[in-house]
Amino acid sequence: RGLGNPLASLYARNYLLAMGMAVAPESMYSVASSLLQDTLFGLSMLKEKHMQSEYQRLKVAEKTYIHLLSPGIEWLLTYVGKTSTRDVFQMVLQLYRDHSGDCMVLKHIIDSFDATHYAHA
């Protein structure tokens, strides 16, 4: 929210979380969860017409641009996923389905959450 560039927005959110963890680590989980929701929602922008024009202007392929998001998404998901409940996992997975569909994001979701949230014996 507030930043029109998904790449700048993601890394600004990560910076806010990192600084918040330094100041008030006990209250950062809810903030991180909200930042993650905003990030996943913002991924739907990547397919919009104005972003296609931006890729051309930057002379970068869409996949290359999305690849630049990978470390930031991974870091945010790792922070949220390490102590999350199954309900949080389901919410993140639904946001992924609704707004992304990119396999890089799914890989980070699977890597970041406890396997008991998605594995069935």
N, C-alpha and C. Protein backbone atom coordinates (compact mmCIF):
# COMPACT_ATOMS: atom_id res chain seq x y z
N ARG A 1 0.84 -1.18 0.00
CA ARG A 1 0.00 0.00 0.00
C ARG A 1 0.88 1.24 0.00
N GLY A 2 0.53 2.16 -0.83
CA GLY A 2 1.24 3.42 -0.84
C GLY A 2 2.38 3.50 -1.83
N LEU A 3 3.03 2.39 -2.13
CA LEU A 3 4.10 2.38 -3.12
C LEU A 3 3.59 1.64 -4.35
N GLY A 4 3.71 2.25 -5.50
CA GLY A 4 3.17 1.66 -6.72
C GLY A 4 4.05 0.59 -7.34
N ASN A 5 5.29 0.52 -6.95
CA ASN A 5 6.21 -0.45 -7.52
C ASN A 5 6.27 -1.67 -6.60
N PRO A 6 5.86 -2.86 -7.06
CA PRO A 6 5.84 -4.04 -6.19
C PRO A 6 7.21 -4.38 -5.60
N LEU A 7 8.27 -4.16 -6.36
CA LEU A 7 9.61 -4.46 -5.88
C LEU A 7 10.01 -3.51 -4.74
N ALA A 8 9.83 -2.23 -4.95
CA ALA A 8 10.14 -1.25 -3.91
C ALA A 8 9.25 -1.46 -2.69
N SER A 9 8.00 -1.77 -2.92
CA SER A 9 7.05 -1.98 -1.85
C SER A 9 7.46 -3.17 -0.97
N LEU A 10 7.83 -4.26 -1.60
CA LEU A 10 8.23 -5.46 -0.84
C LEU A 10 9.43 -5.16 0.04
N TYR A 11 10.46 -4.56 -0.53
CA TYR A 11 11.66 -4.32 0.26
C TYR A 11 11.46 -3.22 1.31
N ALA A 12 10.56 -2.29 1.07
CA ALA A 12 10.21 -1.31 2.10
C ALA A 12 9.51 -2.01 3.26
N ARG A 13 8.62 -2.94 2.96
CA ARG A 13 7.95 -3.71 4.02
C ARG A 13 8.96 -4.52 4.82
N ASN A 14 9.89 -5.15 4.14
CA ASN A 14 10.90 -5.94 4.84
C ASN A 14 11.77 -5.06 5.73
N TYR A 15 12.10 -3.88 5.25
CA TYR A 15 12.88 -2.95 6.06
C TYR A 15 12.10 -2.55 7.31
N LEU A 16 10.82 -2.24 7.15
CA LEU A 16 10.00 -1.88 8.30
C LEU A 16 9.95 -3.01 9.32
N LEU A 17 9.82 -4.23 8.85
CA LEU A 17 9.78 -5.38 9.74
C LEU A 17 11.12 -5.55 10.46
N ALA A 18 12.22 -5.44 9.73
CA ALA A 18 13.54 -5.59 10.33
C ALA A 18 13.77 -4.53 11.41
N MET A 19 13.39 -3.29 11.14
CA MET A 19 13.56 -2.23 12.13
C MET A 19 12.61 -2.43 13.31
N GLY A 20 11.41 -2.89 13.02
CA GLY A 20 10.46 -3.17 14.10
C GLY A 20 10.94 -4.29 15.01
N MET A 21 11.58 -5.29 14.43
CA MET A 21 12.12 -6.40 15.23
C MET A 21 13.23 -5.90 16.15
N ALA A 22 13.97 -4.91 15.71
CA ALA A 22 15.04 -4.36 16.53
C ALA A 22 14.48 -3.55 17.71
N VAL A 23 13.32 -2.95 17.51
CA VAL A 23 12.75 -2.08 18.53
C VAL A 23 11.77 -2.81 19.44
N ALA A 24 10.88 -3.60 18.86
CA ALA A 24 9.82 -4.26 19.64
C ALA A 24 9.56 -5.66 19.09
N PRO A 25 10.51 -6.59 19.28
CA PRO A 25 10.37 -7.91 18.66
C PRO A 25 9.14 -8.69 19.11
N GLU A 26 8.66 -8.44 20.31
CA GLU A 26 7.52 -9.19 20.83
C GLU A 26 6.21 -8.87 20.12
N SER A 27 6.14 -7.74 19.44
CA SER A 27 4.88 -7.37 18.80
C SER A 27 4.96 -7.44 17.27
N MET A 28 6.00 -8.04 16.74
CA MET A 28 6.22 -8.01 15.30
C MET A 28 5.49 -9.10 14.52
N TYR A 29 5.04 -10.18 15.17
CA TYR A 29 4.39 -11.24 14.41
C TYR A 29 3.13 -10.74 13.72
N SER A 30 2.29 -10.00 14.43
CA SER A 30 1.05 -9.51 13.80
C SER A 30 1.36 -8.51 12.70
N VAL A 31 2.39 -7.71 12.89
CA VAL A 31 2.80 -6.76 11.86
C VAL A 31 3.30 -7.53 10.64
N ALA A 32 4.13 -8.54 10.87
CA ALA A 32 4.67 -9.35 9.77
C ALA A 32 3.56 -10.04 9.00
N SER A 33 2.58 -10.54 9.70
CA SER A 33 1.46 -11.21 9.05
C SER A 33 0.69 -10.24 8.15
N SER A 34 0.49 -9.03 8.64
CA SER A 34 -0.19 -8.00 7.84
C SER A 34 0.65 -7.60 6.63
N LEU A 35 1.96 -7.46 6.81
CA LEU A 35 2.84 -7.12 5.70
C LEU A 35 2.85 -8.22 4.65
N LEU A 36 2.82 -9.46 5.11
CA LEU A 36 2.78 -10.59 4.18
C LEU A 36 1.48 -10.59 3.38
N GLN A 37 0.37 -10.34 4.04
CA GLN A 37 -0.92 -10.27 3.33
C GLN A 37 -0.89 -9.18 2.27
N ASP A 38 -0.38 -8.01 2.63
CA ASP A 38 -0.28 -6.91 1.66
C ASP A 38 0.61 -7.29 0.49
N THR A 39 1.72 -7.97 0.78
CA THR A 39 2.65 -8.38 -0.28
C THR A 39 2.00 -9.36 -1.23
N LEU A 40 1.33 -10.38 -0.68
CA LEU A 40 0.69 -11.38 -1.54
C LEU A 40 -0.43 -10.76 -2.35
N PHE A 41 -1.19 -9.86 -1.74
CA PHE A 41 -2.24 -9.16 -2.47
C PHE A 41 -1.63 -8.34 -3.60
N GLY A 42 -0.51 -7.69 -3.34
CA GLY A 42 0.14 -6.84 -4.33
C GLY A 42 0.71 -7.60 -5.52
N LEU A 43 0.91 -8.90 -5.37
CA LEU A 43 1.45 -9.69 -6.48
C LEU A 43 0.52 -9.72 -7.68
N SER A 44 -0.76 -9.48 -7.45
CA SER A 44 -1.71 -9.46 -8.56
C SER A 44 -1.40 -8.30 -9.52
N MET A 45 -0.71 -7.29 -9.04
CA MET A 45 -0.33 -6.15 -9.89
C MET A 45 0.64 -6.55 -10.99
N LEU A 46 1.39 -7.62 -10.79
CA LEU A 46 2.45 -8.00 -11.72
C LEU A 46 1.93 -8.33 -13.12
N LYS A 47 0.67 -8.70 -13.22
CA LYS A 47 0.09 -9.05 -14.52
C LYS A 47 -0.67 -7.91 -15.17
N GLU A 48 -0.81 -6.79 -14.48
CA GLU A 48 -1.59 -5.67 -15.00
C GLU A 48 -0.86 -4.97 -16.14
N LYS A 49 -1.64 -4.29 -16.94
CA LYS A 49 -1.12 -3.65 -18.15
C LYS A 49 -0.02 -2.63 -17.84
N HIS A 50 -0.21 -1.84 -16.79
CA HIS A 50 0.81 -0.83 -16.47
C HIS A 50 2.14 -1.47 -16.09
N MET A 51 2.09 -2.67 -15.51
CA MET A 51 3.35 -3.35 -15.17
C MET A 51 4.00 -3.91 -16.43
N GLN A 52 3.21 -4.34 -17.39
CA GLN A 52 3.78 -4.81 -18.66
C GLN A 52 4.56 -3.67 -19.33
N SER A 53 3.98 -2.46 -19.26
CA SER A 53 4.67 -1.29 -19.80
C SER A 53 5.94 -0.99 -19.01
N GLU A 54 5.88 -1.19 -17.72
CA GLU A 54 7.05 -0.95 -16.87
C GLU A 54 8.18 -1.93 -17.19
N TYR A 55 7.84 -3.19 -17.45
CA TYR A 55 8.86 -4.17 -17.83
C TYR A 55 9.55 -3.74 -19.11
N GLN A 56 8.76 -3.26 -20.06
CA GLN A 56 9.34 -2.79 -21.33
C GLN A 56 10.22 -1.56 -21.11
N ARG A 57 9.75 -0.64 -20.30
CA ARG A 57 10.52 0.56 -20.02
C ARG A 57 11.86 0.23 -19.36
N LEU A 58 11.83 -0.75 -18.45
CA LEU A 58 13.05 -1.16 -17.74
C LEU A 58 13.91 -2.12 -18.56
N LYS A 59 13.34 -2.58 -19.67
CA LYS A 59 14.03 -3.58 -20.52
C LYS A 59 14.37 -4.84 -19.71
N VAL A 60 13.36 -5.32 -19.02
CA VAL A 60 13.51 -6.51 -18.20
C VAL A 60 12.33 -7.44 -18.46
N ALA A 61 12.59 -8.71 -18.51
CA ALA A 61 11.52 -9.70 -18.69
C ALA A 61 10.70 -9.81 -17.40
N GLU A 62 9.44 -10.13 -17.55
CA GLU A 62 8.57 -10.28 -16.38
C GLU A 62 9.14 -11.30 -15.40
N LYS A 63 9.60 -12.43 -15.90
CA LYS A 63 10.16 -13.48 -15.02
C LYS A 63 11.39 -12.98 -14.27
N THR A 64 12.20 -12.16 -14.92
CA THR A 64 13.38 -11.61 -14.27
C THR A 64 12.96 -10.67 -13.14
N TYR A 65 11.97 -9.84 -13.40
CA TYR A 65 11.45 -8.92 -12.39
C TYR A 65 10.91 -9.71 -11.20
N ILE A 66 10.13 -10.75 -11.48
CA ILE A 66 9.56 -11.57 -10.42
C ILE A 66 10.67 -12.26 -9.63
N HIS A 67 11.73 -12.68 -10.32
CA HIS A 67 12.86 -13.32 -9.63
C HIS A 67 13.50 -12.36 -8.62
N LEU A 68 13.49 -11.06 -8.90
CA LEU A 68 14.04 -10.08 -7.97
C LEU A 68 13.23 -9.99 -6.68
N LEU A 69 11.97 -10.40 -6.74
CA LEU A 69 11.12 -10.40 -5.55
C LEU A 69 11.41 -11.59 -4.62
N SER A 70 12.02 -12.63 -5.15
CA SER A 70 12.18 -13.89 -4.44
C SER A 70 12.83 -13.76 -3.06
N PRO A 71 13.98 -13.13 -2.91
CA PRO A 71 14.59 -13.07 -1.57
C PRO A 71 13.72 -12.34 -0.54
N GLY A 72 13.06 -11.28 -0.95
CA GLY A 72 12.20 -10.54 -0.04
C GLY A 72 10.98 -11.33 0.39
N ILE A 73 10.37 -12.03 -0.56
CA ILE A 73 9.21 -12.87 -0.24
C ILE A 73 9.64 -14.02 0.66
N GLU A 74 10.78 -14.62 0.35
CA GLU A 74 11.28 -15.73 1.17
C GLU A 74 11.53 -15.27 2.61
N TRP A 75 12.16 -14.12 2.78
CA TRP A 75 12.47 -13.63 4.13
C TRP A 75 11.20 -13.37 4.92
N LEU A 76 10.23 -12.73 4.30
CA LEU A 76 8.97 -12.41 4.96
C LEU A 76 8.21 -13.69 5.32
N LEU A 77 8.14 -14.62 4.39
CA LEU A 77 7.46 -15.89 4.66
C LEU A 77 8.16 -16.69 5.75
N THR A 78 9.47 -16.67 5.76
CA THR A 78 10.22 -17.40 6.79
C THR A 78 9.89 -16.85 8.17
N TYR A 79 9.82 -15.54 8.29
CA TYR A 79 9.50 -14.93 9.58
C TYR A 79 8.09 -15.31 10.03
N VAL A 80 7.14 -15.23 9.12
CA VAL A 80 5.74 -15.53 9.49
C VAL A 80 5.54 -17.04 9.67
N GLY A 81 6.14 -17.82 8.79
CA GLY A 81 5.87 -19.25 8.77
C GLY A 81 6.43 -20.05 9.91
N LYS A 82 7.50 -19.59 10.53
CA LYS A 82 8.18 -20.43 11.52
C LYS A 82 7.35 -20.73 12.77
N THR A 83 6.40 -19.90 13.11
CA THR A 83 5.59 -20.14 14.31
C THR A 83 4.09 -20.11 14.01
N SER A 84 3.72 -20.21 12.75
CA SER A 84 2.31 -20.05 12.37
C SER A 84 1.48 -21.30 12.60
N THR A 85 0.20 -21.05 12.71
CA THR A 85 -0.77 -22.14 12.84
C THR A 85 -1.21 -22.61 11.45
N ARG A 86 -1.94 -23.69 11.43
CA ARG A 86 -2.49 -24.19 10.17
C ARG A 86 -3.44 -23.17 9.54
N ASP A 87 -4.19 -22.45 10.37
CA ASP A 87 -5.11 -21.43 9.85
C ASP A 87 -4.36 -20.33 9.10
N VAL A 88 -3.23 -19.91 9.63
CA VAL A 88 -2.42 -18.89 8.94
C VAL A 88 -1.89 -19.46 7.64
N PHE A 89 -1.43 -20.71 7.67
CA PHE A 89 -0.96 -21.35 6.44
C PHE A 89 -2.06 -21.38 5.38
N GLN A 90 -3.27 -21.75 5.78
CA GLN A 90 -4.40 -21.80 4.85
C GLN A 90 -4.72 -20.41 4.28
N MET A 91 -4.64 -19.39 5.11
CA MET A 91 -4.88 -18.03 4.66
C MET A 91 -3.83 -17.60 3.64
N VAL A 92 -2.57 -17.90 3.93
CA VAL A 92 -1.48 -17.55 3.01
C VAL A 92 -1.64 -18.30 1.70
N LEU A 93 -1.98 -19.57 1.78
CA LEU A 93 -2.18 -20.37 0.57
C LEU A 93 -3.33 -19.83 -0.27
N GLN A 94 -4.40 -19.40 0.37
CA GLN A 94 -5.53 -18.83 -0.37
C GLN A 94 -5.13 -17.51 -1.04
N LEU A 95 -4.39 -16.67 -0.34
CA LEU A 95 -3.90 -15.43 -0.95
C LEU A 95 -3.00 -15.73 -2.14
N TYR A 96 -2.17 -16.75 -2.01
CA TYR A 96 -1.32 -17.18 -3.13
C TYR A 96 -2.18 -17.57 -4.33
N ARG A 97 -3.20 -18.38 -4.09
CA ARG A 97 -4.08 -18.82 -5.18
C ARG A 97 -4.81 -17.65 -5.83
N ASP A 98 -5.25 -16.71 -5.02
CA ASP A 98 -6.04 -15.60 -5.52
C ASP A 98 -5.20 -14.54 -6.25
N HIS A 99 -3.94 -14.37 -5.84
CA HIS A 99 -3.20 -13.21 -6.34
C HIS A 99 -1.87 -13.51 -7.00
N SER A 100 -1.39 -14.74 -6.95
CA SER A 100 -0.07 -14.98 -7.52
C SER A 100 -0.09 -16.13 -8.51
N GLY A 101 -0.01 -17.33 -8.02
CA GLY A 101 0.07 -18.49 -8.89
C GLY A 101 1.48 -18.76 -9.38
N ASP A 102 2.46 -17.94 -8.98
CA ASP A 102 3.84 -18.14 -9.40
C ASP A 102 4.48 -19.24 -8.54
N CYS A 103 5.15 -20.18 -9.19
CA CYS A 103 5.72 -21.32 -8.47
C CYS A 103 6.82 -20.91 -7.49
N MET A 104 7.50 -19.80 -7.74
CA MET A 104 8.51 -19.32 -6.81
C MET A 104 7.87 -18.99 -5.46
N VAL A 105 6.73 -18.35 -5.49
CA VAL A 105 6.04 -18.00 -4.25
C VAL A 105 5.58 -19.27 -3.53
N LEU A 106 5.03 -20.22 -4.27
CA LEU A 106 4.59 -21.48 -3.67
C LEU A 106 5.77 -22.21 -3.02
N LYS A 107 6.91 -22.24 -3.67
CA LYS A 107 8.10 -22.89 -3.10
C LYS A 107 8.45 -22.26 -1.76
N HIS A 108 8.43 -20.94 -1.70
CA HIS A 108 8.77 -20.26 -0.45
C HIS A 108 7.72 -20.53 0.63
N ILE A 109 6.47 -20.64 0.25
CA ILE A 109 5.41 -20.97 1.22
C ILE A 109 5.68 -22.35 1.79
N ILE A 110 5.92 -23.32 0.93
CA ILE A 110 6.16 -24.69 1.38
C ILE A 110 7.40 -24.78 2.26
N ASP A 111 8.45 -24.08 1.87
CA ASP A 111 9.70 -24.10 2.65
C ASP A 111 9.57 -23.41 4.00
N SER A 112 8.67 -22.46 4.12
CA SER A 112 8.60 -21.61 5.31
C SER A 112 7.66 -22.12 6.40
N PHE A 113 6.72 -22.95 6.03
CA PHE A 113 5.75 -23.43 7.01
C PHE A 113 6.05 -24.87 7.40
N ASP A 114 5.63 -25.23 8.59
CA ASP A 114 5.80 -26.59 9.09
C ASP A 114 5.07 -27.55 8.17
N ALA A 115 5.72 -28.65 7.82
CA ALA A 115 5.16 -29.62 6.89
C ALA A 115 3.86 -30.23 7.38
N THR A 116 3.63 -30.24 8.68
CA THR A 116 2.38 -30.80 9.20
C THR A 116 1.16 -30.01 8.76
N HIS A 117 1.36 -28.78 8.30
CA HIS A 117 0.24 -27.97 7.84
C HIS A 117 -0.28 -28.43 6.47
N TYR A 118 0.55 -29.12 5.71
CA TYR A 118 0.13 -29.53 4.35
C TYR A 118 0.37 -30.99 4.04
N ALA A 119 1.14 -31.70 4.83
CA ALA A 119 1.41 -33.11 4.55
C ALA A 119 0.38 -33.98 5.29
N HIS A 120 -0.08 -34.99 4.59
CA HIS A 120 -1.05 -35.91 5.18
C HIS A 120 -0.48 -37.32 5.13
N ALA A 121 -0.55 -38.00 6.25
CA ALA A 121 0.00 -39.36 6.31
C ALA A 121 -0.99 -40.38 5.82
